[in-house]
Amino acid sequence: QVQLVESGGVSAQSGGSLILSCSASGDTYSINTMGWFRQAPGKEREGVAVIDRDGRTSYADSVKGRFTISQDNAKNTLYLQMNSLKPDDTAMYYCAAGILRTDGGTWFRPLMYNSWGQGTQVTVSS
């Protein structure tokens, strides 16, 4: 079992930047993929960015060029650098971990992840 704890969610102005962190503990050797998901009120949870054990990344079209996912394996920490923030980025952001297919075909499916953090709120005002 992997435990995940997010931090860094705050309020920001449109065009601003934030960095989210996710600290992982427990059986971290048992996972090969970690990702950031978000959920706005009344909307489904959606994938934002994913990274695998080898450092390969994938991004949702809505954040490409603005967000960067990275990981520090020595610290068991996942990051999400968020630049050029928009009001549409307002949501609860969740860190997720699991064992997924290496071809990336299922990376943005929330049901494929078996470990989730409690979430951290990001609010972007115009």
N, C-alpha and C. Protein backbone atom coordinates (compact mmCIF):
# COMPACT_ATOMS: atom_id res chain seq x y z
N GLN A 1 0.84 -1.19 0.00
CA GLN A 1 0.00 0.00 0.00
C GLN A 1 0.88 1.25 0.00
N VAL A 2 0.47 2.23 -0.79
CA VAL A 2 1.21 3.48 -0.89
C VAL A 2 0.36 4.61 -0.32
N GLN A 3 0.97 5.42 0.51
CA GLN A 3 0.29 6.60 1.05
C GLN A 3 0.80 7.85 0.35
N LEU A 4 -0.12 8.73 -0.01
CA LEU A 4 0.23 9.94 -0.76
C LEU A 4 -0.33 11.17 -0.03
N VAL A 5 0.51 12.19 0.08
CA VAL A 5 0.09 13.43 0.73
C VAL A 5 0.48 14.61 -0.14
N GLU A 6 -0.52 15.35 -0.61
CA GLU A 6 -0.27 16.52 -1.46
C GLU A 6 -0.10 17.78 -0.61
N SER A 7 0.60 18.74 -1.19
CA SER A 7 0.73 20.07 -0.57
C SER A 7 0.98 21.09 -1.66
N GLY A 8 0.79 22.36 -1.31
CA GLY A 8 1.10 23.44 -2.23
C GLY A 8 -0.09 24.13 -2.85
N GLY A 9 -1.26 23.63 -2.60
CA GLY A 9 -2.44 24.26 -3.19
C GLY A 9 -2.80 25.55 -2.48
N VAL A 10 -2.94 26.61 -3.25
CA VAL A 10 -3.30 27.92 -2.70
C VAL A 10 -4.08 28.67 -3.77
N SER A 11 -4.33 29.92 -3.51
CA SER A 11 -4.97 30.78 -4.49
C SER A 11 -3.90 31.52 -5.28
N ALA A 12 -4.18 31.76 -6.55
CA ALA A 12 -3.23 32.46 -7.41
C ALA A 12 -3.99 33.33 -8.40
N GLN A 13 -3.30 34.31 -8.94
CA GLN A 13 -3.88 35.17 -9.97
C GLN A 13 -3.69 34.52 -11.33
N SER A 14 -4.58 34.84 -12.24
CA SER A 14 -4.43 34.37 -13.61
C SER A 14 -3.08 34.82 -14.16
N GLY A 15 -2.38 33.86 -14.79
CA GLY A 15 -1.05 34.14 -15.30
C GLY A 15 0.06 33.82 -14.33
N GLY A 16 -0.30 33.51 -13.11
CA GLY A 16 0.68 33.20 -12.09
C GLY A 16 1.16 31.76 -12.13
N SER A 17 1.96 31.40 -11.14
CA SER A 17 2.55 30.06 -11.07
C SER A 17 2.37 29.47 -9.68
N LEU A 18 2.29 28.14 -9.65
CA LEU A 18 2.24 27.39 -8.41
C LEU A 18 3.00 26.10 -8.61
N ILE A 19 3.46 25.53 -7.51
CA ILE A 19 4.05 24.20 -7.59
C ILE A 19 3.38 23.33 -6.53
N LEU A 20 2.90 22.18 -6.97
CA LEU A 20 2.31 21.20 -6.07
C LEU A 20 3.33 20.09 -5.79
N SER A 21 3.26 19.55 -4.59
CA SER A 21 4.13 18.43 -4.22
C SER A 21 3.28 17.28 -3.72
N CYS A 22 3.79 16.08 -3.91
CA CYS A 22 3.12 14.88 -3.42
C CYS A 22 4.17 13.97 -2.83
N SER A 23 4.08 13.74 -1.53
CA SER A 23 5.04 12.88 -0.85
C SER A 23 4.48 11.47 -0.75
N ALA A 24 5.25 10.49 -1.20
CA ALA A 24 4.81 9.10 -1.19
C ALA A 24 5.56 8.32 -0.12
N SER A 25 4.85 7.42 0.54
CA SER A 25 5.46 6.55 1.54
C SER A 25 4.82 5.18 1.46
N GLY A 26 5.42 4.22 2.14
CA GLY A 26 4.89 2.86 2.11
C GLY A 26 5.58 2.05 1.03
N ASP A 27 4.82 1.20 0.36
CA ASP A 27 5.37 0.28 -0.64
C ASP A 27 5.58 0.96 -1.99
N THR A 28 6.42 1.99 -1.99
CA THR A 28 6.63 2.75 -3.23
C THR A 28 7.30 1.93 -4.32
N TYR A 29 7.99 0.86 -3.95
CA TYR A 29 8.63 0.01 -4.95
C TYR A 29 7.60 -0.72 -5.81
N SER A 30 6.35 -0.76 -5.32
CA SER A 30 5.31 -1.53 -5.99
C SER A 30 4.60 -0.75 -7.10
N ILE A 31 4.96 0.51 -7.32
CA ILE A 31 4.28 1.31 -8.33
C ILE A 31 5.23 1.64 -9.48
N ASN A 32 4.66 1.88 -10.66
CA ASN A 32 5.51 2.27 -11.78
C ASN A 32 5.04 3.56 -12.45
N THR A 33 3.93 4.11 -11.96
CA THR A 33 3.37 5.30 -12.59
C THR A 33 2.74 6.19 -11.53
N MET A 34 2.96 7.49 -11.67
CA MET A 34 2.32 8.46 -10.79
C MET A 34 1.74 9.59 -11.65
N GLY A 35 0.70 10.19 -11.14
CA GLY A 35 0.07 11.24 -11.93
C GLY A 35 -0.65 12.26 -11.09
N TRP A 36 -0.97 13.36 -11.74
CA TRP A 36 -1.80 14.39 -11.15
C TRP A 36 -3.15 14.41 -11.87
N PHE A 37 -4.18 14.43 -11.09
CA PHE A 37 -5.55 14.54 -11.61
C PHE A 37 -6.20 15.75 -10.95
N ARG A 38 -7.27 16.22 -11.54
CA ARG A 38 -8.00 17.33 -10.94
C ARG A 38 -9.49 17.15 -11.14
N GLN A 39 -10.23 17.76 -10.23
CA GLN A 39 -11.68 17.67 -10.31
C GLN A 39 -12.28 19.00 -9.88
N ALA A 40 -13.01 19.60 -10.78
CA ALA A 40 -13.72 20.84 -10.49
C ALA A 40 -15.15 20.51 -10.08
N PRO A 41 -15.80 21.38 -9.34
CA PRO A 41 -17.17 21.11 -8.90
C PRO A 41 -18.09 20.79 -10.08
N GLY A 42 -18.82 19.70 -9.97
CA GLY A 42 -19.76 19.31 -11.00
C GLY A 42 -19.15 18.65 -12.21
N LYS A 43 -17.84 18.44 -12.19
CA LYS A 43 -17.16 17.81 -13.32
C LYS A 43 -16.51 16.50 -12.90
N GLU A 44 -16.20 15.68 -13.91
CA GLU A 44 -15.53 14.42 -13.63
C GLU A 44 -14.04 14.66 -13.36
N ARG A 45 -13.45 13.73 -12.63
CA ARG A 45 -12.01 13.80 -12.39
C ARG A 45 -11.28 13.57 -13.72
N GLU A 46 -10.30 14.42 -14.00
CA GLU A 46 -9.57 14.30 -15.25
C GLU A 46 -8.06 14.26 -15.01
N GLY A 47 -7.38 13.55 -15.89
CA GLY A 47 -5.94 13.48 -15.79
C GLY A 47 -5.29 14.76 -16.27
N VAL A 48 -4.26 15.18 -15.57
CA VAL A 48 -3.54 16.39 -15.92
C VAL A 48 -2.16 16.07 -16.47
N ALA A 49 -1.40 15.27 -15.73
CA ALA A 49 -0.04 14.93 -16.13
C ALA A 49 0.35 13.62 -15.46
N VAL A 50 1.12 12.82 -16.18
CA VAL A 50 1.52 11.51 -15.68
C VAL A 50 3.00 11.31 -15.98
N ILE A 51 3.67 10.59 -15.08
CA ILE A 51 5.08 10.26 -15.26
C ILE A 51 5.30 8.82 -14.83
N ASP A 52 6.12 8.08 -15.58
CA ASP A 52 6.38 6.71 -15.17
C ASP A 52 7.75 6.59 -14.52
N ARG A 53 8.07 5.38 -14.13
CA ARG A 53 9.30 5.14 -13.39
C ARG A 53 10.54 5.54 -14.19
N ASP A 54 10.44 5.47 -15.52
CA ASP A 54 11.58 5.82 -16.37
C ASP A 54 11.63 7.29 -16.72
N GLY A 55 10.67 8.06 -16.20
CA GLY A 55 10.67 9.49 -16.46
C GLY A 55 9.91 9.93 -17.68
N ARG A 56 9.25 8.99 -18.35
CA ARG A 56 8.43 9.38 -19.50
C ARG A 56 7.19 10.11 -19.00
N THR A 57 6.80 11.15 -19.70
CA THR A 57 5.70 11.98 -19.26
C THR A 57 4.62 12.10 -20.33
N SER A 58 3.43 12.46 -19.87
CA SER A 58 2.33 12.71 -20.78
C SER A 58 1.45 13.77 -20.14
N TYR A 59 0.86 14.64 -20.97
CA TYR A 59 0.08 15.75 -20.47
C TYR A 59 -1.27 15.85 -21.17
N ALA A 60 -2.24 16.34 -20.43
CA ALA A 60 -3.52 16.66 -21.05
C ALA A 60 -3.31 17.86 -21.98
N ASP A 61 -4.05 17.90 -23.08
CA ASP A 61 -3.90 18.98 -24.05
C ASP A 61 -4.10 20.35 -23.40
N SER A 62 -4.97 20.40 -22.41
CA SER A 62 -5.31 21.68 -21.79
C SER A 62 -4.17 22.29 -20.98
N VAL A 63 -3.15 21.49 -20.67
CA VAL A 63 -2.05 22.01 -19.84
C VAL A 63 -0.69 21.92 -20.53
N LYS A 64 -0.65 21.36 -21.72
CA LYS A 64 0.63 21.23 -22.43
C LYS A 64 1.28 22.59 -22.61
N GLY A 65 2.56 22.65 -22.34
CA GLY A 65 3.28 23.89 -22.48
C GLY A 65 3.18 24.80 -21.27
N ARG A 66 2.29 24.47 -20.33
CA ARG A 66 2.13 25.30 -19.14
C ARG A 66 2.51 24.56 -17.85
N PHE A 67 2.22 23.26 -17.81
CA PHE A 67 2.49 22.47 -16.61
C PHE A 67 3.65 21.51 -16.89
N THR A 68 4.41 21.22 -15.84
CA THR A 68 5.50 20.25 -15.94
C THR A 68 5.45 19.31 -14.74
N ILE A 69 5.42 18.02 -15.03
CA ILE A 69 5.45 17.02 -13.97
C ILE A 69 6.88 16.50 -13.83
N SER A 70 7.30 16.28 -12.60
CA SER A 70 8.63 15.75 -12.36
C SER A 70 8.61 14.94 -11.07
N GLN A 71 9.67 14.19 -10.86
CA GLN A 71 9.75 13.37 -9.66
C GLN A 71 11.17 13.34 -9.14
N ASP A 72 11.29 13.24 -7.83
CA ASP A 72 12.56 13.06 -7.16
C ASP A 72 12.50 11.70 -6.48
N ASN A 73 13.07 10.71 -7.13
CA ASN A 73 12.96 9.34 -6.62
C ASN A 73 13.65 9.18 -5.27
N ALA A 74 14.70 9.93 -5.04
CA ALA A 74 15.41 9.82 -3.76
C ALA A 74 14.53 10.30 -2.60
N LYS A 75 13.68 11.27 -2.89
CA LYS A 75 12.79 11.82 -1.87
C LYS A 75 11.38 11.24 -1.94
N ASN A 76 11.15 10.36 -2.91
CA ASN A 76 9.80 9.80 -3.12
C ASN A 76 8.76 10.93 -3.22
N THR A 77 9.09 11.93 -4.00
CA THR A 77 8.22 13.09 -4.12
C THR A 77 7.92 13.38 -5.58
N LEU A 78 6.67 13.68 -5.83
CA LEU A 78 6.18 14.04 -7.15
C LEU A 78 5.86 15.53 -7.14
N TYR A 79 6.13 16.21 -8.25
CA TYR A 79 5.87 17.64 -8.35
C TYR A 79 5.02 17.96 -9.56
N LEU A 80 4.32 19.08 -9.48
CA LEU A 80 3.63 19.63 -10.63
C LEU A 80 3.88 21.14 -10.64
N GLN A 81 4.72 21.58 -11.59
CA GLN A 81 4.97 23.00 -11.77
C GLN A 81 3.88 23.54 -12.69
N MET A 82 3.15 24.52 -12.21
CA MET A 82 2.02 25.06 -12.95
C MET A 82 2.30 26.53 -13.28
N ASN A 83 2.44 26.83 -14.56
CA ASN A 83 2.70 28.19 -15.01
C ASN A 83 1.53 28.69 -15.86
N SER A 84 1.50 30.00 -16.07
CA SER A 84 0.46 30.62 -16.89
C SER A 84 -0.92 30.13 -16.49
N LEU A 85 -1.18 30.16 -15.22
CA LEU A 85 -2.44 29.64 -14.70
C LEU A 85 -3.64 30.40 -15.24
N LYS A 86 -4.72 29.66 -15.42
CA LYS A 86 -5.97 30.21 -15.92
C LYS A 86 -7.09 29.90 -14.92
N PRO A 87 -8.16 30.68 -14.92
CA PRO A 87 -9.28 30.37 -14.04
C PRO A 87 -9.82 28.96 -14.25
N ASP A 88 -9.74 28.43 -15.48
CA ASP A 88 -10.20 27.07 -15.75
C ASP A 88 -9.35 26.01 -15.06
N ASP A 89 -8.19 26.38 -14.53
CA ASP A 89 -7.35 25.44 -13.78
C ASP A 89 -7.84 25.26 -12.35
N THR A 90 -8.80 26.04 -11.94
CA THR A 90 -9.34 25.94 -10.59
C THR A 90 -9.98 24.57 -10.38
N ALA A 91 -9.49 23.85 -9.37
CA ALA A 91 -9.99 22.50 -9.09
C ALA A 91 -9.29 21.96 -7.86
N MET A 92 -9.78 20.83 -7.39
CA MET A 92 -9.05 20.05 -6.39
C MET A 92 -8.08 19.17 -7.15
N TYR A 93 -6.81 19.23 -6.79
CA TYR A 93 -5.78 18.45 -7.45
C TYR A 93 -5.40 17.25 -6.59
N TYR A 94 -5.35 16.09 -7.24
CA TYR A 94 -5.05 14.85 -6.55
C TYR A 94 -3.80 14.20 -7.13
N CYS A 95 -3.02 13.62 -6.26
CA CYS A 95 -1.89 12.81 -6.65
C CYS A 95 -2.35 11.35 -6.66
N ALA A 96 -1.90 10.58 -7.63
CA ALA A 96 -2.29 9.18 -7.74
C ALA A 96 -1.09 8.33 -8.10
N ALA A 97 -1.15 7.06 -7.70
CA ALA A 97 -0.06 6.13 -7.99
C ALA A 97 -0.64 4.76 -8.28
N GLY A 98 0.07 4.00 -9.12
CA GLY A 98 -0.39 2.66 -9.42
C GLY A 98 0.58 1.91 -10.31
N ILE A 99 0.15 0.72 -10.71
CA ILE A 99 0.91 -0.09 -11.66
C ILE A 99 0.12 -0.10 -12.95
N LEU A 100 0.63 0.55 -13.96
CA LEU A 100 -0.09 0.71 -15.22
C LEU A 100 0.70 0.16 -16.38
N ARG A 101 0.01 -0.05 -17.48
CA ARG A 101 0.66 -0.49 -18.71
C ARG A 101 1.72 0.51 -19.12
N THR A 102 2.84 0.01 -19.59
CA THR A 102 3.94 0.91 -19.93
C THR A 102 3.74 1.62 -21.27
N ASP A 103 2.74 1.21 -22.04
CA ASP A 103 2.52 1.88 -23.32
C ASP A 103 1.76 3.19 -23.18
N GLY A 104 1.35 3.52 -21.94
CA GLY A 104 0.69 4.79 -21.71
C GLY A 104 -0.77 4.85 -22.10
N GLY A 105 -1.30 3.75 -22.58
CA GLY A 105 -2.67 3.76 -23.07
C GLY A 105 -3.72 4.00 -22.01
N THR A 106 -3.39 3.71 -20.76
CA THR A 106 -4.38 3.87 -19.69
C THR A 106 -3.98 4.92 -18.68
N TRP A 107 -2.98 5.69 -18.97
CA TRP A 107 -2.44 6.60 -17.98
C TRP A 107 -3.43 7.63 -17.48
N PHE A 108 -4.40 8.04 -18.27
CA PHE A 108 -5.31 9.09 -17.85
C PHE A 108 -6.66 8.55 -17.37
N ARG A 109 -6.70 7.27 -17.07
CA ARG A 109 -7.92 6.67 -16.54
C ARG A 109 -7.82 6.57 -15.03
N PRO A 110 -8.60 7.36 -14.28
CA PRO A 110 -8.50 7.35 -12.81
C PRO A 110 -8.66 5.97 -12.19
N LEU A 111 -9.51 5.13 -12.77
CA LEU A 111 -9.77 3.81 -12.18
C LEU A 111 -8.56 2.90 -12.21
N MET A 112 -7.55 3.24 -13.01
CA MET A 112 -6.36 2.39 -13.11
C MET A 112 -5.40 2.62 -11.94
N TYR A 113 -5.64 3.65 -11.14
CA TYR A 113 -4.76 3.98 -10.02
C TYR A 113 -5.38 3.49 -8.72
N ASN A 114 -4.58 2.85 -7.88
CA ASN A 114 -5.14 2.31 -6.65
C ASN A 114 -4.73 3.07 -5.40
N SER A 115 -3.93 4.11 -5.54
CA SER A 115 -3.55 4.93 -4.39
C SER A 115 -3.79 6.39 -4.73
N TRP A 116 -4.44 7.09 -3.80
CA TRP A 116 -4.79 8.50 -4.03
C TRP A 116 -4.48 9.32 -2.78
N GLY A 117 -4.09 10.55 -3.00
CA GLY A 117 -3.94 11.49 -1.90
C GLY A 117 -5.29 12.11 -1.55
N GLN A 118 -5.28 12.97 -0.55
CA GLN A 118 -6.52 13.59 -0.09
C GLN A 118 -6.91 14.81 -0.92
N GLY A 119 -6.00 15.30 -1.72
CA GLY A 119 -6.28 16.43 -2.59
C GLY A 119 -5.81 17.75 -2.01
N THR A 120 -5.51 18.69 -2.89
CA THR A 120 -5.14 20.04 -2.48
C THR A 120 -5.83 21.02 -3.43
N GLN A 121 -6.44 22.05 -2.87
CA GLN A 121 -7.25 22.96 -3.66
C GLN A 121 -6.39 24.03 -4.33
N VAL A 122 -6.63 24.22 -5.63
CA VAL A 122 -6.01 25.30 -6.39
C VAL A 122 -7.12 26.21 -6.91
N THR A 123 -7.04 27.48 -6.58
CA THR A 123 -8.02 28.46 -7.03
C THR A 123 -7.31 29.57 -7.79
N VAL A 124 -7.72 29.79 -9.03
CA VAL A 124 -7.11 30.82 -9.87
C VAL A 124 -8.15 31.88 -10.16
N SER A 125 -7.84 33.10 -9.80
CA SER A 125 -8.78 34.19 -10.02
C SER A 125 -8.33 35.05 -11.20
N SER A 126 -9.31 35.60 -11.88
CA SER A 126 -9.00 36.41 -13.07
C SER A 126 -8.69 37.85 -12.70
